[in-house]
mmCIF file of all heavy atoms, coordinates in Angstrom:
data_MODEL
# 
_entry.id   MODEL 
# 
loop_
_atom_site.group_PDB 
_atom_site.id 
_atom_site.type_symbol 
_atom_site.label_atom_id 
_atom_site.label_alt_id 
_atom_site.label_comp_id 
_atom_site.label_asym_id 
_atom_site.label_entity_id 
_atom_site.label_seq_id 
_atom_site.pdbx_PDB_ins_code 
_atom_site.Cartn_x 
_atom_site.Cartn_y 
_atom_site.Cartn_z 
_atom_site.occupancy 
_atom_site.B_iso_or_equiv 
_atom_site.pdbx_formal_charge 
_atom_site.auth_seq_id 
_atom_site.auth_comp_id 
_atom_site.auth_asym_id 
_atom_site.auth_atom_id 
_atom_site.pdbx_PDB_model_num 
ATOM 1   N N   . PHE A 1 1  ? 3.225   6.086  -9.623  1.00 0.00 ? 1  PHE A N   1 
ATOM 2   C CA  . PHE A 1 1  ? 3.623   7.490  -9.551  1.00 0.00 ? 1  PHE A CA  1 
ATOM 3   C C   . PHE A 1 1  ? 3.795   7.838  -8.078  1.00 0.00 ? 1  PHE A C   1 
ATOM 4   O O   . PHE A 1 1  ? 2.821   8.130  -7.374  1.00 0.00 ? 1  PHE A O   1 
ATOM 5   C CB  . PHE A 1 1  ? 2.563   8.376  -10.206 1.00 0.00 ? 1  PHE A CB  1 
ATOM 6   C CG  . PHE A 1 1  ? 2.278   8.011  -11.629 1.00 0.00 ? 1  PHE A CG  1 
ATOM 7   C CD1 . PHE A 1 1  ? 1.177   7.224  -11.945 1.00 0.00 ? 1  PHE A CD1 1 
ATOM 8   C CD2 . PHE A 1 1  ? 3.113   8.428  -12.652 1.00 0.00 ? 1  PHE A CD2 1 
ATOM 9   C CE1 . PHE A 1 1  ? 0.904   6.880  -13.255 1.00 0.00 ? 1  PHE A CE1 1 
ATOM 10  C CE2 . PHE A 1 1  ? 2.851   8.090  -13.973 1.00 0.00 ? 1  PHE A CE2 1 
ATOM 11  C CZ  . PHE A 1 1  ? 1.749   7.303  -14.276 1.00 0.00 ? 1  PHE A CZ  1 
ATOM 12  N N   . LEU A 1 2  ? 5.050   7.821  -7.624  1.00 0.00 ? 2  LEU A N   1 
ATOM 13  C CA  . LEU A 1 2  ? 5.335   7.983  -6.202  1.00 0.00 ? 2  LEU A CA  1 
ATOM 14  C C   . LEU A 1 2  ? 6.196   9.213  -5.962  1.00 0.00 ? 2  LEU A C   1 
ATOM 15  O O   . LEU A 1 2  ? 7.161   9.465  -6.685  1.00 0.00 ? 2  LEU A O   1 
ATOM 16  C CB  . LEU A 1 2  ? 6.044   6.733  -5.667  1.00 0.00 ? 2  LEU A CB  1 
ATOM 17  C CG  . LEU A 1 2  ? 5.293   5.409  -5.876  1.00 0.00 ? 2  LEU A CG  1 
ATOM 18  C CD1 . LEU A 1 2  ? 6.152   4.243  -5.431  1.00 0.00 ? 2  LEU A CD1 1 
ATOM 19  C CD2 . LEU A 1 2  ? 3.970   5.424  -5.133  1.00 0.00 ? 2  LEU A CD2 1 
ATOM 20  N N   . GLY A 1 3  ? 5.858   9.956  -4.934  1.00 0.00 ? 3  GLY A N   1 
ATOM 21  C CA  . GLY A 1 3  ? 6.631   11.131 -4.553  1.00 0.00 ? 3  GLY A CA  1 
ATOM 22  C C   . GLY A 1 3  ? 6.459   12.264 -5.553  1.00 0.00 ? 3  GLY A C   1 
ATOM 23  O O   . GLY A 1 3  ? 5.658   12.214 -6.483  1.00 0.00 ? 3  GLY A O   1 
ATOM 24  N N   . GLU A 1 4  ? 7.243   13.331 -5.371  1.00 0.00 ? 4  GLU A N   1 
ATOM 25  C CA  . GLU A 1 4  ? 7.154   14.495 -6.246  1.00 0.00 ? 4  GLU A CA  1 
ATOM 26  C C   . GLU A 1 4  ? 7.561   14.154 -7.672  1.00 0.00 ? 4  GLU A C   1 
ATOM 27  O O   . GLU A 1 4  ? 6.997   14.667 -8.637  1.00 0.00 ? 4  GLU A O   1 
ATOM 28  C CB  . GLU A 1 4  ? 8.013   15.637 -5.700  1.00 0.00 ? 4  GLU A CB  1 
ATOM 29  C CG  . GLU A 1 4  ? 7.417   16.334 -4.498  1.00 0.00 ? 4  GLU A CG  1 
ATOM 30  C CD  . GLU A 1 4  ? 6.054   16.953 -4.796  1.00 0.00 ? 4  GLU A CD  1 
ATOM 31  O OE1 . GLU A 1 4  ? 5.892   17.563 -5.869  1.00 0.00 ? 4  GLU A OE1 1 
ATOM 32  O OE2 . GLU A 1 4  ? 5.147   16.809 -3.953  1.00 0.00 ? 4  GLU A OE2 1 
ATOM 33  N N   . GLU A 1 5  ? 8.560   13.293 -7.817  1.00 0.00 ? 5  GLU A N   1 
ATOM 34  C CA  . GLU A 1 5  ? 8.960   12.882 -9.167  1.00 0.00 ? 5  GLU A CA  1 
ATOM 35  C C   . GLU A 1 5  ? 7.828   12.126 -9.851  1.00 0.00 ? 5  GLU A C   1 
ATOM 36  O O   . GLU A 1 5  ? 7.565   12.306 -11.044 1.00 0.00 ? 5  GLU A O   1 
ATOM 37  C CB  . GLU A 1 5  ? 10.215  12.006 -9.103  1.00 0.00 ? 5  GLU A CB  1 
ATOM 38  C CG  . GLU A 1 5  ? 10.722  11.592 -10.481 1.00 0.00 ? 5  GLU A CG  1 
ATOM 39  C CD  . GLU A 1 5  ? 12.014  10.791 -10.406 1.00 0.00 ? 5  GLU A CD  1 
ATOM 40  O OE1 . GLU A 1 5  ? 12.608  10.729 -9.312  1.00 0.00 ? 5  GLU A OE1 1 
ATOM 41  O OE2 . GLU A 1 5  ? 12.414  10.233 -11.444 1.00 0.00 ? 5  GLU A OE2 1 
ATOM 42  N N   . GLY A 1 6  ? 7.146   11.269 -9.106  1.00 0.00 ? 6  GLY A N   1 
ATOM 43  C CA  . GLY A 1 6  ? 6.005   10.557 -9.670  1.00 0.00 ? 6  GLY A CA  1 
ATOM 44  C C   . GLY A 1 6  ? 4.880   11.498 -10.058 1.00 0.00 ? 6  GLY A C   1 
ATOM 45  O O   . GLY A 1 6  ? 4.239   11.320 -11.104 1.00 0.00 ? 6  GLY A O   1 
ATOM 46  N N   . LEU A 1 7  ? 4.617   12.519 -9.229  1.00 0.00 ? 7  LEU A N   1 
ATOM 47  C CA  . LEU A 1 7  ? 3.596   13.503 -9.564  1.00 0.00 ? 7  LEU A CA  1 
ATOM 48  C C   . LEU A 1 7  ? 3.939   14.246 -10.848 1.00 0.00 ? 7  LEU A C   1 
ATOM 49  O O   . LEU A 1 7  ? 3.073   14.513 -11.690 1.00 0.00 ? 7  LEU A O   1 
ATOM 50  C CB  . LEU A 1 7  ? 3.437   14.509 -8.415  1.00 0.00 ? 7  LEU A CB  1 
ATOM 51  C CG  . LEU A 1 7  ? 2.602   14.082 -7.216  1.00 0.00 ? 7  LEU A CG  1 
ATOM 52  C CD1 . LEU A 1 7  ? 2.652   15.156 -6.141  1.00 0.00 ? 7  LEU A CD1 1 
ATOM 53  C CD2 . LEU A 1 7  ? 1.166   13.815 -7.627  1.00 0.00 ? 7  LEU A CD2 1 
ATOM 54  N N   . THR A 1 8  ? 5.213   14.585 -11.006 1.00 0.00 ? 8  THR A N   1 
ATOM 55  C CA  . THR A 1 8  ? 5.648   15.269 -12.219 1.00 0.00 ? 8  THR A CA  1 
ATOM 56  C C   . THR A 1 8  ? 5.440   14.387 -13.444 1.00 0.00 ? 8  THR A C   1 
ATOM 57  O O   . THR A 1 8  ? 4.980   14.844 -14.496 1.00 0.00 ? 8  THR A O   1 
ATOM 58  C CB  . THR A 1 8  ? 7.124   15.678 -12.103 1.00 0.00 ? 8  THR A CB  1 
ATOM 59  O OG1 . THR A 1 8  ? 7.280   16.582 -11.002 1.00 0.00 ? 8  THR A OG1 1 
ATOM 60  C CG2 . THR A 1 8  ? 7.595   16.368 -13.367 1.00 0.00 ? 8  THR A CG2 1 
ATOM 61  N N   . ASN A 1 9  ? 5.766   13.105 -13.317 1.00 0.00 ? 9  ASN A N   1 
ATOM 62  C CA  . ASN A 1 9  ? 5.568   12.186 -14.434 1.00 0.00 ? 9  ASN A CA  1 
ATOM 63  C C   . ASN A 1 9  ? 4.079   12.003 -14.749 1.00 0.00 ? 9  ASN A C   1 
ATOM 64  O O   . ASN A 1 9  ? 3.688   11.919 -15.923 1.00 0.00 ? 9  ASN A O   1 
ATOM 65  C CB  . ASN A 1 9  ? 6.201   10.831 -14.121 1.00 0.00 ? 9  ASN A CB  1 
ATOM 66  C CG  . ASN A 1 9  ? 7.710   10.893 -14.107 1.00 0.00 ? 9  ASN A CG  1 
ATOM 67  O OD1 . ASN A 1 9  ? 8.315   11.725 -14.794 1.00 0.00 ? 9  ASN A OD1 1 
ATOM 68  N ND2 . ASN A 1 9  ? 8.344   10.028 -13.329 1.00 0.00 ? 9  ASN A ND2 1 
ATOM 69  N N   . LEU A 1 10 ? 3.254   11.953 -13.715 1.00 0.00 ? 10 LEU A N   1 
ATOM 70  C CA  . LEU A 1 10 ? 1.814   11.839 -13.934 1.00 0.00 ? 10 LEU A CA  1 
ATOM 71  C C   . LEU A 1 10 ? 1.281   13.078 -14.648 1.00 0.00 ? 10 LEU A C   1 
ATOM 72  O O   . LEU A 1 10 ? 0.473   12.971 -15.586 1.00 0.00 ? 10 LEU A O   1 
ATOM 73  C CB  . LEU A 1 10 ? 1.110   11.646 -12.600 1.00 0.00 ? 10 LEU A CB  1 
ATOM 74  C CG  . LEU A 1 10 ? -0.382  11.260 -12.618 1.00 0.00 ? 10 LEU A CG  1 
ATOM 75  C CD1 . LEU A 1 10 ? -0.751  10.542 -11.331 1.00 0.00 ? 10 LEU A CD1 1 
ATOM 76  C CD2 . LEU A 1 10 ? -1.280  12.482 -12.786 1.00 0.00 ? 10 LEU A CD2 1 
ATOM 77  N N   . LEU A 1 11 ? 1.732   14.247 -14.215 1.00 0.00 ? 11 LEU A N   1 
ATOM 78  C CA  . LEU A 1 11 ? 1.308   15.486 -14.847 1.00 0.00 ? 11 LEU A CA  1 
ATOM 79  C C   . LEU A 1 11 ? 1.747   15.522 -16.305 1.00 0.00 ? 11 LEU A C   1 
ATOM 80  O O   . LEU A 1 11 ? 1.006   15.972 -17.192 1.00 0.00 ? 11 LEU A O   1 
ATOM 81  C CB  . LEU A 1 11 ? 1.883   16.682 -14.090 1.00 0.00 ? 11 LEU A CB  1 
ATOM 82  C CG  . LEU A 1 11 ? 1.614   18.064 -14.697 1.00 0.00 ? 11 LEU A CG  1 
ATOM 83  C CD1 . LEU A 1 11 ? 0.116   18.328 -14.792 1.00 0.00 ? 11 LEU A CD1 1 
ATOM 84  C CD2 . LEU A 1 11 ? 2.302   19.146 -13.871 1.00 0.00 ? 11 LEU A CD2 1 
ATOM 85  N N   . LYS A 1 12 ? 2.954   15.029 -16.566 1.00 0.00 ? 12 LYS A N   1 
ATOM 86  C CA  . LYS A 1 12 ? 3.463   15.004 -17.931 1.00 0.00 ? 12 LYS A CA  1 
ATOM 87  C C   . LYS A 1 12 ? 2.570   14.131 -18.815 1.00 0.00 ? 12 LYS A C   1 
ATOM 88  O O   . LYS A 1 12 ? 2.219   14.513 -19.934 1.00 0.00 ? 12 LYS A O   1 
ATOM 89  C CB  . LYS A 1 12 ? 4.902   14.485 -17.937 1.00 0.00 ? 12 LYS A CB  1 
ATOM 90  C CG  . LYS A 1 12 ? 5.606   14.610 -19.284 1.00 0.00 ? 12 LYS A CG  1 
ATOM 91  C CD  . LYS A 1 12 ? 7.013   14.030 -19.216 1.00 0.00 ? 12 LYS A CD  1 
ATOM 92  C CE  . LYS A 1 12 ? 7.882   14.779 -18.224 1.00 0.00 ? 12 LYS A CE  1 
ATOM 93  N NZ  . LYS A 1 12 ? 9.285   14.295 -18.263 1.00 0.00 ? 12 LYS A NZ  1 
ATOM 94  N N   . ILE A 1 13 ? 2.183   12.970 -18.318 1.00 0.00 ? 13 ILE A N   1 
ATOM 95  C CA  . ILE A 1 13 ? 1.322   12.066 -19.081 1.00 0.00 ? 13 ILE A CA  1 
ATOM 96  C C   . ILE A 1 13 ? -0.050  12.710 -19.315 1.00 0.00 ? 13 ILE A C   1 
ATOM 97  O O   . ILE A 1 13 ? -0.600  12.664 -20.421 1.00 0.00 ? 13 ILE A O   1 
ATOM 98  C CB  . ILE A 1 13 ? 1.184   10.716 -18.358 1.00 0.00 ? 13 ILE A CB  1 
ATOM 99  C CG1 . ILE A 1 13 ? 2.519   9.953  -18.405 1.00 0.00 ? 13 ILE A CG1 1 
ATOM 100 C CG2 . ILE A 1 13 ? 0.068   9.870  -18.976 1.00 0.00 ? 13 ILE A CG2 1 
ATOM 101 C CD1 . ILE A 1 13 ? 2.526   8.683  -17.594 1.00 0.00 ? 13 ILE A CD1 1 
ATOM 102 N N   . ALA A 1 14 ? -0.606  13.313 -18.262 1.00 0.00 ? 14 ALA A N   1 
ATOM 103 C CA  . ALA A 1 14 ? -1.916  13.955 -18.402 1.00 0.00 ? 14 ALA A CA  1 
ATOM 104 C C   . ALA A 1 14 ? -1.861  15.085 -19.426 1.00 0.00 ? 14 ALA A C   1 
ATOM 105 O O   . ALA A 1 14 ? -2.776  15.243 -20.251 1.00 0.00 ? 14 ALA A O   1 
ATOM 106 C CB  . ALA A 1 14 ? -2.385  14.482 -17.044 1.00 0.00 ? 14 ALA A CB  1 
ATOM 107 N N   . GLY A 1 15 ? -0.795  15.879 -19.388 1.00 0.00 ? 15 GLY A N   1 
ATOM 108 C CA  . GLY A 1 15 ? -0.649  16.963 -20.356 1.00 0.00 ? 15 GLY A CA  1 
ATOM 109 C C   . GLY A 1 15 ? -0.480  16.452 -21.775 1.00 0.00 ? 15 GLY A C   1 
ATOM 110 O O   . GLY A 1 15 ? -1.036  17.016 -22.728 1.00 0.00 ? 15 GLY A O   1 
ATOM 111 N N   . LEU A 1 16 ? 0.285   15.366 -21.936 1.00 0.00 ? 16 LEU A N   1 
ATOM 112 C CA  . LEU A 1 16 ? 0.467   14.785 -23.260 1.00 0.00 ? 16 LEU A CA  1 
ATOM 113 C C   . LEU A 1 16 ? -0.853  14.246 -23.810 1.00 0.00 ? 16 LEU A C   1 
ATOM 114 O O   . LEU A 1 16 ? -1.164  14.434 -24.990 1.00 0.00 ? 16 LEU A O   1 
ATOM 115 C CB  . LEU A 1 16 ? 1.511   13.669 -23.202 1.00 0.00 ? 16 LEU A CB  1 
ATOM 116 C CG  . LEU A 1 16 ? 2.964   14.119 -22.988 1.00 0.00 ? 16 LEU A CG  1 
ATOM 117 C CD1 . LEU A 1 16 ? 3.860   12.915 -22.730 1.00 0.00 ? 16 LEU A CD1 1 
ATOM 118 C CD2 . LEU A 1 16 ? 3.470   14.912 -24.179 1.00 0.00 ? 16 LEU A CD2 1 
ATOM 119 N N   . VAL A 1 17 ? -1.638  13.592 -22.957 1.00 0.00 ? 17 VAL A N   1 
ATOM 120 C CA  . VAL A 1 17 ? -2.938  13.073 -23.394 1.00 0.00 ? 17 VAL A CA  1 
ATOM 121 C C   . VAL A 1 17 ? -3.851  14.217 -23.820 1.00 0.00 ? 17 VAL A C   1 
ATOM 122 O O   . VAL A 1 17 ? -4.505  14.173 -24.878 1.00 0.00 ? 17 VAL A O   1 
ATOM 123 C CB  . VAL A 1 17 ? -3.590  12.233 -22.271 1.00 0.00 ? 17 VAL A CB  1 
ATOM 124 C CG1 . VAL A 1 17 ? -5.044  11.906 -22.614 1.00 0.00 ? 17 VAL A CG1 1 
ATOM 125 C CG2 . VAL A 1 17 ? -2.802  10.958 -22.037 1.00 0.00 ? 17 VAL A CG2 1 
ATOM 126 N N   . LEU A 1 18 ? -3.900  15.261 -23.002 1.00 0.00 ? 18 LEU A N   1 
ATOM 127 C CA  . LEU A 1 18 ? -4.773  16.400 -23.294 1.00 0.00 ? 18 LEU A CA  1 
ATOM 128 C C   . LEU A 1 18 ? -4.423  17.029 -24.635 1.00 0.00 ? 18 LEU A C   1 
ATOM 129 O O   . LEU A 1 18 ? -5.287  17.259 -25.492 1.00 0.00 ? 18 LEU A O   1 
ATOM 130 C CB  . LEU A 1 18 ? -4.661  17.428 -22.166 1.00 0.00 ? 18 LEU A CB  1 
ATOM 131 C CG  . LEU A 1 18 ? -5.458  18.724 -22.327 1.00 0.00 ? 18 LEU A CG  1 
ATOM 132 C CD1 . LEU A 1 18 ? -6.950  18.443 -22.267 1.00 0.00 ? 18 LEU A CD1 1 
ATOM 133 C CD2 . LEU A 1 18 ? -5.066  19.731 -21.249 1.00 0.00 ? 18 LEU A CD2 1 
ATOM 134 N N   . ASN A 1 19 ? -3.137  17.300 -24.855 1.00 0.00 ? 19 ASN A N   1 
ATOM 135 C CA  . ASN A 1 19 ? -2.730  18.000 -26.074 1.00 0.00 ? 19 ASN A CA  1 
ATOM 136 C C   . ASN A 1 19 ? -2.703  17.079 -27.287 1.00 0.00 ? 19 ASN A C   1 
ATOM 137 O O   . ASN A 1 19 ? -2.981  17.518 -28.408 1.00 0.00 ? 19 ASN A O   1 
ATOM 138 C CB  . ASN A 1 19 ? -1.357  18.635 -25.865 1.00 0.00 ? 19 ASN A CB  1 
ATOM 139 C CG  . ASN A 1 19 ? -1.416  19.833 -24.946 1.00 0.00 ? 19 ASN A CG  1 
ATOM 140 O OD1 . ASN A 1 19 ? -1.722  20.934 -25.376 1.00 0.00 ? 19 ASN A OD1 1 
ATOM 141 N ND2 . ASN A 1 19 ? -1.140  19.624 -23.660 1.00 0.00 ? 19 ASN A ND2 1 
ATOM 142 N N   . ALA A 1 20 ? -2.370  15.800 -27.073 1.00 0.00 ? 20 ALA A N   1 
ATOM 143 C CA  . ALA A 1 20 ? -2.362  14.861 -28.189 1.00 0.00 ? 20 ALA A CA  1 
ATOM 144 C C   . ALA A 1 20 ? -3.765  14.628 -28.734 1.00 0.00 ? 20 ALA A C   1 
ATOM 145 O O   . ALA A 1 20 ? -3.935  14.355 -29.929 1.00 0.00 ? 20 ALA A O   1 
ATOM 146 C CB  . ALA A 1 20 ? -1.744  13.534 -27.749 1.00 0.00 ? 20 ALA A CB  1 
ATOM 147 N N   . LEU A 1 21 ? -4.789  14.751 -27.891 1.00 0.00 ? 21 LEU A N   1 
ATOM 148 C CA  . LEU A 1 21 ? -6.165  14.541 -28.335 1.00 0.00 ? 21 LEU A CA  1 
ATOM 149 C C   . LEU A 1 21 ? -6.812  15.819 -28.869 1.00 0.00 ? 21 LEU A C   1 
ATOM 150 O O   . LEU A 1 21 ? -7.698  15.759 -29.727 1.00 0.00 ? 21 LEU A O   1 
ATOM 151 C CB  . LEU A 1 21 ? -7.009  13.995 -27.182 1.00 0.00 ? 21 LEU A CB  1 
ATOM 152 C CG  . LEU A 1 21 ? -6.708  12.561 -26.739 1.00 0.00 ? 21 LEU A CG  1 
ATOM 153 C CD1 . LEU A 1 21 ? -7.562  12.192 -25.531 1.00 0.00 ? 21 LEU A CD1 1 
ATOM 154 C CD2 . LEU A 1 21 ? -6.961  11.576 -27.870 1.00 0.00 ? 21 LEU A CD2 1 
ATOM 155 N N   . ALA A 1 22 ? -6.388  16.977 -28.370 1.00 0.00 ? 22 ALA A N   1 
ATOM 156 C CA  . ALA A 1 22 ? -7.026  18.230 -28.773 1.00 0.00 ? 22 ALA A CA  1 
ATOM 157 C C   . ALA A 1 22 ? -6.867  18.488 -30.270 1.00 0.00 ? 22 ALA A C   1 
ATOM 158 O O   . ALA A 1 22 ? -7.812  18.947 -30.925 1.00 0.00 ? 22 ALA A O   1 
ATOM 159 C CB  . ALA A 1 22 ? -6.453  19.388 -27.968 1.00 0.00 ? 22 ALA A CB  1 
ATOM 160 N N   . LEU A 1 23 ? -5.698  18.185 -30.833 1.00 0.00 ? 23 LEU A N   1 
ATOM 161 C CA  . LEU A 1 23 ? -5.471  18.450 -32.254 1.00 0.00 ? 23 LEU A CA  1 
ATOM 162 C C   . LEU A 1 23 ? -6.364  17.591 -33.145 1.00 0.00 ? 23 LEU A C   1 
ATOM 163 O O   . LEU A 1 23 ? -7.086  18.135 -33.992 1.00 0.00 ? 23 LEU A O   1 
ATOM 164 C CB  . LEU A 1 23 ? -3.995  18.253 -32.588 1.00 0.00 ? 23 LEU A CB  1 
ATOM 165 C CG  . LEU A 1 23 ? -3.619  18.480 -34.052 1.00 0.00 ? 23 LEU A CG  1 
ATOM 166 C CD1 . LEU A 1 23 ? -4.030  19.873 -34.499 1.00 0.00 ? 23 LEU A CD1 1 
ATOM 167 C CD2 . LEU A 1 23 ? -2.123  18.270 -34.264 1.00 0.00 ? 23 LEU A CD2 1 
ATOM 168 N N   . PRO A 1 24 ? -6.381  16.255 -33.010 1.00 0.00 ? 24 PRO A N   1 
ATOM 169 C CA  . PRO A 1 24 ? -7.284  15.472 -33.871 1.00 0.00 ? 24 PRO A CA  1 
ATOM 170 C C   . PRO A 1 24 ? -8.753  15.767 -33.612 1.00 0.00 ? 24 PRO A C   1 
ATOM 171 O O   . PRO A 1 24 ? -9.569  15.721 -34.538 1.00 0.00 ? 24 PRO A O   1 
ATOM 172 C CB  . PRO A 1 24 ? -6.936  14.014 -33.530 1.00 0.00 ? 24 PRO A CB  1 
ATOM 173 C CG  . PRO A 1 24 ? -6.239  14.058 -32.216 1.00 0.00 ? 24 PRO A CG  1 
ATOM 174 C CD  . PRO A 1 24 ? -5.533  15.371 -32.196 1.00 0.00 ? 24 PRO A CD  1 
ATOM 175 N N   . PHE A 1 25 ? -9.107  16.077 -32.358 1.00 0.00 ? 25 PHE A N   1 
ATOM 176 C CA  . PHE A 1 25 ? -10.492 16.447 -32.085 1.00 0.00 ? 25 PHE A CA  1 
ATOM 177 C C   . PHE A 1 25 ? -10.871 17.695 -32.886 1.00 0.00 ? 25 PHE A C   1 
ATOM 178 O O   . PHE A 1 25 ? -11.962 17.779 -33.449 1.00 0.00 ? 25 PHE A O   1 
ATOM 179 C CB  . PHE A 1 25 ? -10.699 16.704 -30.594 1.00 0.00 ? 25 PHE A CB  1 
ATOM 180 C CG  . PHE A 1 25 ? -10.887 15.459 -29.777 1.00 0.00 ? 25 PHE A CG  1 
ATOM 181 C CD1 . PHE A 1 25 ? -10.548 15.433 -28.429 1.00 0.00 ? 25 PHE A CD1 1 
ATOM 182 C CD2 . PHE A 1 25 ? -11.394 14.299 -30.337 1.00 0.00 ? 25 PHE A CD2 1 
ATOM 183 C CE1 . PHE A 1 25 ? -10.719 14.285 -27.661 1.00 0.00 ? 25 PHE A CE1 1 
ATOM 184 C CE2 . PHE A 1 25 ? -11.566 13.145 -29.583 1.00 0.00 ? 25 PHE A CE2 1 
ATOM 185 C CZ  . PHE A 1 25 ? -11.226 13.140 -28.249 1.00 0.00 ? 25 PHE A CZ  1 
ATOM 186 N N   . GLY A 1 26 ? -9.973  18.671 -32.922 1.00 0.00 ? 26 GLY A N   1 
ATOM 187 C CA  . GLY A 1 26 ? -10.252 19.889 -33.670 1.00 0.00 ? 26 GLY A CA  1 
ATOM 188 C C   . GLY A 1 26 ? -10.457 19.616 -35.152 1.00 0.00 ? 26 GLY A C   1 
ATOM 189 O O   . GLY A 1 26 ? -11.342 20.189 -35.800 1.00 0.00 ? 26 GLY A O   1 
ATOM 190 N N   . ILE A 1 27 ? -9.632  18.714 -35.699 1.00 0.00 ? 27 ILE A N   1 
ATOM 191 C CA  . ILE A 1 27 ? -9.762  18.376 -37.117 1.00 0.00 ? 27 ILE A CA  1 
ATOM 192 C C   . ILE A 1 27 ? -11.058 17.616 -37.381 1.00 0.00 ? 27 ILE A C   1 
ATOM 193 O O   . ILE A 1 27 ? -11.797 17.913 -38.331 1.00 0.00 ? 27 ILE A O   1 
ATOM 194 C CB  . ILE A 1 27 ? -8.541  17.543 -37.566 1.00 0.00 ? 27 ILE A CB  1 
ATOM 195 C CG1 . ILE A 1 27 ? -7.256  18.395 -37.450 1.00 0.00 ? 27 ILE A CG1 1 
ATOM 196 C CG2 . ILE A 1 27 ? -8.722  17.035 -38.991 1.00 0.00 ? 27 ILE A CG2 1 
ATOM 197 C CD1 . ILE A 1 27 ? -5.993  17.613 -37.688 1.00 0.00 ? 27 ILE A CD1 1 
ATOM 198 N N   . LEU A 1 28 ? -11.362 16.639 -36.529 1.00 0.00 ? 28 LEU A N   1 
ATOM 199 C CA  . LEU A 1 28 ? -12.550 15.814 -36.734 1.00 0.00 ? 28 LEU A CA  1 
ATOM 200 C C   . LEU A 1 28 ? -13.840 16.611 -36.531 1.00 0.00 ? 28 LEU A C   1 
ATOM 201 O O   . LEU A 1 28 ? -14.866 16.312 -37.161 1.00 0.00 ? 28 LEU A O   1 
ATOM 202 C CB  . LEU A 1 28 ? -12.517 14.618 -35.774 1.00 0.00 ? 28 LEU A CB  1 
ATOM 203 C CG  . LEU A 1 28 ? -11.408 13.587 -36.038 1.00 0.00 ? 28 LEU A CG  1 
ATOM 204 C CD1 . LEU A 1 28 ? -11.366 12.548 -34.924 1.00 0.00 ? 28 LEU A CD1 1 
ATOM 205 C CD2 . LEU A 1 28 ? -11.610 12.910 -37.388 1.00 0.00 ? 28 LEU A CD2 1 
ATOM 206 N N   . LEU A 1 29 ? -13.801 17.602 -35.641 1.00 0.00 ? 29 LEU A N   1 
ATOM 207 C CA  . LEU A 1 29 ? -15.005 18.389 -35.384 1.00 0.00 ? 29 LEU A CA  1 
ATOM 208 C C   . LEU A 1 29 ? -15.264 19.429 -36.466 1.00 0.00 ? 29 LEU A C   1 
ATOM 209 O O   . LEU A 1 29 ? -16.350 20.008 -36.509 1.00 0.00 ? 29 LEU A O   1 
ATOM 210 C CB  . LEU A 1 29 ? -14.901 19.083 -34.030 1.00 0.00 ? 29 LEU A CB  1 
ATOM 211 C CG  . LEU A 1 29 ? -15.082 18.192 -32.798 1.00 0.00 ? 29 LEU A CG  1 
ATOM 212 C CD1 . LEU A 1 29 ? -14.701 18.942 -31.529 1.00 0.00 ? 29 LEU A CD1 1 
ATOM 213 C CD2 . LEU A 1 29 ? -16.511 17.677 -32.698 1.00 0.00 ? 29 LEU A CD2 1 
ATOM 214 N N   . GLY A 1 30 ? -14.277 19.673 -37.328 1.00 0.00 ? 30 GLY A N   1 
ATOM 215 C CA  . GLY A 1 30 ? -14.433 20.682 -38.372 1.00 0.00 ? 30 GLY A CA  1 
ATOM 216 C C   . GLY A 1 30 ? -15.636 20.460 -39.269 1.00 0.00 ? 30 GLY A C   1 
ATOM 217 O O   . GLY A 1 30 ? -16.486 21.358 -39.431 1.00 0.00 ? 30 GLY A O   1 
# 
C-alpha cells in the first residue's frame, strides 16, 4: 500500500473487514 492510492486501498480493505464482520457478529451474539 504505497502513496495516497495505497492508503485509500488500505482504508477500503479495513472498512470491508469491519463491516463484513459486524453483521455475522451481531447474528451470532443474539
